Amino acid sequence: QVQLVKSGGDLVQPGGSLRLSCATPGIAFSVYTMGWYRQAPGKQREWIADITSDGSTHYEDSVKGRFIISRDNAKKTAYLQMNSLKPEDTALYYCNIPLARGYRFGWGQGTQVTVSS
């Protein structure tokens, strides 16, 4: 399973920043694309960003320019730096490895990000 860590507190004010880390011990991390996803209350889980094995990044339009995805292959960890946070970013955040069919891991509980004044 993935190990999610949130740096920056449980409650963030609009305009604030948080960093999420996703460690994936025990797998050949460097060969996989890593994805970040989120699920807001009452909505379906959605893809927000991914980074390929060669470091190419892709973002969903609503987070483009505010979120930065990165990876450290030596640490088998992916990161999501979230800046200029908005209340609509409030959601459960997840990381996973997208496969041709499905995902490498179960979704687990995710980590809660709450943006509120």
C-alpha atoms as a PDB file:
ATOM      1  CA  GLN A   1       0.000   0.000   0.000  1.00  0.00           C
ATOM      2  CA  VAL A   2       0.966   3.617  -0.355  1.00  0.00           C
ATOM      3  CA  GLN A   3       1.988   5.718   2.616  1.00  0.00           C
ATOM      4  CA  LEU A   4       0.442   9.179   2.468  1.00  0.00           C
ATOM      5  CA  VAL A   5       1.895  12.036   4.499  1.00  0.00           C
ATOM      6  CA  LYS A   6       0.588  15.577   4.644  1.00  0.00           C
ATOM      7  CA  SER A   7       2.905  18.446   5.563  1.00  0.00           C
ATOM      8  CA  GLY A   8       1.462  21.771   6.521  1.00  0.00           C
ATOM      9  CA  GLY A   9      -1.397  21.194   8.905  1.00  0.00           C
ATOM     10  CA  ASP A  10      -4.920  19.877   8.854  1.00  0.00           C
ATOM     11  CA  LEU A  11      -6.676  23.147   8.048  1.00  0.00           C
ATOM     12  CA  VAL A  12      -5.338  25.624   5.537  1.00  0.00           C
ATOM     13  CA  GLN A  13      -6.588  29.099   4.791  1.00  0.00           C
ATOM     14  CA  PRO A  14      -7.336  30.091   1.212  1.00  0.00           C
ATOM     15  CA  GLY A  15      -4.114  31.026  -0.496  1.00  0.00           C
ATOM     16  CA  GLY A  16      -2.099  28.710   1.679  1.00  0.00           C
ATOM     17  CA  SER A  17       0.092  25.748   0.781  1.00  0.00           C
ATOM     18  CA  LEU A  18       0.399  22.095   1.638  1.00  0.00           C
ATOM     19  CA  ARG A  19       2.629  19.300   0.473  1.00  0.00           C
ATOM     20  CA  LEU A  20       1.525  15.714   0.167  1.00  0.00           C
ATOM     21  CA  SER A  21       3.943  12.814  -0.009  1.00  0.00           C
ATOM     22  CA  CYS A  22       3.201   9.347  -1.277  1.00  0.00           C
ATOM     23  CA  ALA A  23       5.700   6.615  -0.492  1.00  0.00           C
ATOM     24  CA  THR A  24       5.448   3.269  -2.224  1.00  0.00           C
ATOM     25  CA  PRO A  25       7.896   0.857  -0.623  1.00  0.00           C
ATOM     26  CA  GLY A  26       8.432  -2.546  -2.073  1.00  0.00           C
ATOM     27  CA  ILE A  27       7.766  -1.819  -5.731  1.00  0.00           C
ATOM     28  CA  ALA A  28       9.832  -0.893  -8.775  1.00  0.00           C
ATOM     29  CA  PHE A  29       8.751   2.724  -8.332  1.00  0.00           C
ATOM     30  CA  SER A  30      10.872   4.272 -11.051  1.00  0.00           C
ATOM     31  CA  VAL A  31       9.137   2.457 -13.894  1.00  0.00           C
ATOM     32  CA  TYR A  32       5.652   3.609 -13.032  1.00  0.00           C
ATOM     33  CA  THR A  33       3.596   6.687 -13.710  1.00  0.00           C
ATOM     34  CA  MET A  34       2.397   8.123 -10.398  1.00  0.00           C
ATOM     35  CA  GLY A  35      -0.974   9.803 -10.155  1.00  0.00           C
ATOM     36  CA  TRP A  36      -2.708  12.064  -7.671  1.00  0.00           C
ATOM     37  CA  TYR A  37      -6.455  12.015  -7.307  1.00  0.00           C
ATOM     38  CA  ARG A  38      -9.036  13.648  -5.101  1.00  0.00           C
ATOM     39  CA  GLN A  39     -12.632  13.201  -4.084  1.00  0.00           C
ATOM     40  CA  ALA A  40     -14.649  16.152  -2.892  1.00  0.00           C
ATOM     41  CA  PRO A  41     -17.744  15.640  -0.754  1.00  0.00           C
ATOM     42  CA  GLY A  42     -20.617  14.367  -2.857  1.00  0.00           C
ATOM     43  CA  LYS A  43     -18.467  13.979  -5.967  1.00  0.00           C
ATOM     44  CA  GLN A  44     -16.656  11.185  -7.711  1.00  0.00           C
ATOM     45  CA  ARG A  45     -12.934  10.690  -7.384  1.00  0.00           C
ATOM     46  CA  GLU A  46     -11.082  12.623 -10.059  1.00  0.00           C
ATOM     47  CA  TRP A  47      -7.601  12.624 -11.485  1.00  0.00           C
ATOM     48  CA  ILE A  48      -5.680  15.831 -10.865  1.00  0.00           C
ATOM     49  CA  ALA A  49      -2.076  15.192 -11.853  1.00  0.00           C
ATOM     50  CA  ASP A  50       0.425  12.571 -12.877  1.00  0.00           C
ATOM     51  CA  ILE A  51       4.111  12.202 -13.520  1.00  0.00           C
ATOM     52  CA  THR A  52       5.538   9.599 -15.838  1.00  0.00           C
ATOM     53  CA  SER A  53       8.637   7.507 -15.307  1.00  0.00           C
ATOM     54  CA  ASP A  54      10.645   9.965 -17.399  1.00  0.00           C
ATOM     55  CA  GLY A  55       9.382  12.947 -15.426  1.00  0.00           C
ATOM     56  CA  SER A  56       6.732  14.304 -17.778  1.00  0.00           C
ATOM     57  CA  THR A  57       3.923  15.967 -15.857  1.00  0.00           C
ATOM     58  CA  HIS A  58       0.259  16.496 -16.596  1.00  0.00           C
ATOM     59  CA  TYR A  59      -2.358  18.461 -14.698  1.00  0.00           C
ATOM     60  CA  GLU A  60      -6.083  18.832 -14.620  1.00  0.00           C
ATOM     61  CA  ASP A  61      -7.030  22.350 -15.616  1.00  0.00           C
ATOM     62  CA  SER A  62      -8.340  23.407 -12.213  1.00  0.00           C
ATOM     63  CA  VAL A  63      -4.968  22.807 -10.536  1.00  0.00           C
ATOM     64  CA  LYS A  64      -2.657  23.777 -13.375  1.00  0.00           C
ATOM     65  CA  GLY A  65      -0.310  26.557 -12.330  1.00  0.00           C
ATOM     66  CA  ARG A  66      -1.030  25.993  -8.627  1.00  0.00           C
ATOM     67  CA  PHE A  67      -0.060  22.375  -7.961  1.00  0.00           C
ATOM     68  CA  ILE A  68       3.293  20.799  -8.709  1.00  0.00           C
ATOM     69  CA  ILE A  69       3.823  17.058  -8.949  1.00  0.00           C
ATOM     70  CA  SER A  70       7.287  15.601  -8.549  1.00  0.00           C
ATOM     71  CA  ARG A  71       8.998  12.357  -7.725  1.00  0.00           C
ATOM     72  CA  ASP A  72      12.119  11.044  -6.027  1.00  0.00           C
ATOM     73  CA  ASN A  73      12.874   7.622  -7.423  1.00  0.00           C
ATOM     74  CA  ALA A  74      15.552   6.904  -4.821  1.00  0.00           C
ATOM     75  CA  LYS A  75      12.996   7.407  -2.061  1.00  0.00           C
ATOM     76  CA  LYS A  76      10.205   5.754  -4.036  1.00  0.00           C
ATOM     77  CA  THR A  77       8.083   8.762  -3.237  1.00  0.00           C
ATOM     78  CA  ALA A  78       5.855  11.091  -5.198  1.00  0.00           C
ATOM     79  CA  TYR A  79       4.959  14.581  -4.045  1.00  0.00           C
ATOM     80  CA  LEU A  80       2.179  17.033  -4.641  1.00  0.00           C
ATOM     81  CA  GLN A  81       2.990  20.617  -3.734  1.00  0.00           C
ATOM     82  CA  MET A  82      -0.288  22.504  -3.500  1.00  0.00           C
ATOM     83  CA  ASN A  83      -0.098  26.297  -3.607  1.00  0.00           C
ATOM     84  CA  SER A  84      -2.708  29.035  -3.754  1.00  0.00           C
ATOM     85  CA  LEU A  85      -5.231  26.667  -2.268  1.00  0.00           C
ATOM     86  CA  LYS A  86      -8.898  27.395  -2.715  1.00  0.00           C
ATOM     87  CA  PRO A  87     -11.931  26.193  -0.759  1.00  0.00           C
ATOM     88  CA  GLU A  88     -12.894  24.090  -3.774  1.00  0.00           C
ATOM     89  CA  ASP A  89      -9.675  22.129  -3.305  1.00  0.00           C
ATOM     90  CA  THR A  90     -11.177  20.666  -0.144  1.00  0.00           C
ATOM     91  CA  ALA A  91     -11.262  16.912  -0.677  1.00  0.00           C
ATOM     92  CA  LEU A  92      -9.791  13.580   0.220  1.00  0.00           C
ATOM     93  CA  TYR A  93      -6.541  13.189  -1.690  1.00  0.00           C
ATOM     94  CA  TYR A  94      -5.117   9.922  -2.911  1.00  0.00           C
ATOM     95  CA  CYS A  95      -2.150   8.691  -4.860  1.00  0.00           C
ATOM     96  CA  ASN A  96      -1.996   5.583  -6.967  1.00  0.00           C
ATOM     97  CA  ILE A  97      -0.362   4.002  -9.960  1.00  0.00           C
ATOM     98  CA  PRO A  98      -2.622   3.943 -12.992  1.00  0.00           C
ATOM     99  CA  LEU A  99      -2.388   0.737 -14.990  1.00  0.00           C
ATOM    100  CA  ALA A 100      -3.809  -0.256 -18.342  1.00  0.00           C
ATOM    101  CA  ARG A 101      -6.671  -1.742 -16.376  1.00  0.00           C
ATOM    102  CA  GLY A 102      -7.297  -0.338 -12.967  1.00  0.00           C
ATOM    103  CA  TYR A 103      -4.768   0.756 -10.401  1.00  0.00           C
ATOM    104  CA  ARG A 104      -1.810  -0.816  -8.653  1.00  0.00           C
ATOM    105  CA  PHE A 105      -3.097  -0.271  -5.133  1.00  0.00           C
ATOM    106  CA  GLY A 106      -6.368  -0.098  -3.280  1.00  0.00           C
ATOM    107  CA  TRP A 107      -7.490   3.449  -2.584  1.00  0.00           C
ATOM    108  CA  GLY A 108      -7.230   3.353   1.170  1.00  0.00           C
ATOM    109  CA  GLN A 109      -8.519   6.225   3.288  1.00  0.00           C
ATOM    110  CA  GLY A 110      -6.704   9.034   1.537  1.00  0.00           C
ATOM    111  CA  THR A 111      -5.675  12.187   3.340  1.00  0.00           C
ATOM    112  CA  GLN A 112      -8.037  15.040   4.051  1.00  0.00           C
ATOM    113  CA  VAL A 113      -7.247  18.508   2.786  1.00  0.00           C
ATOM    114  CA  THR A 114      -9.520  21.251   4.077  1.00  0.00           C
ATOM    115  CA  VAL A 115      -9.227  24.804   2.817  1.00  0.00           C
ATOM    116  CA  SER A 116     -11.272  27.253   4.813  1.00  0.00           C
ATOM    117  CA  SER A 117     -11.054  30.637   6.435  1.00  0.00           C
END
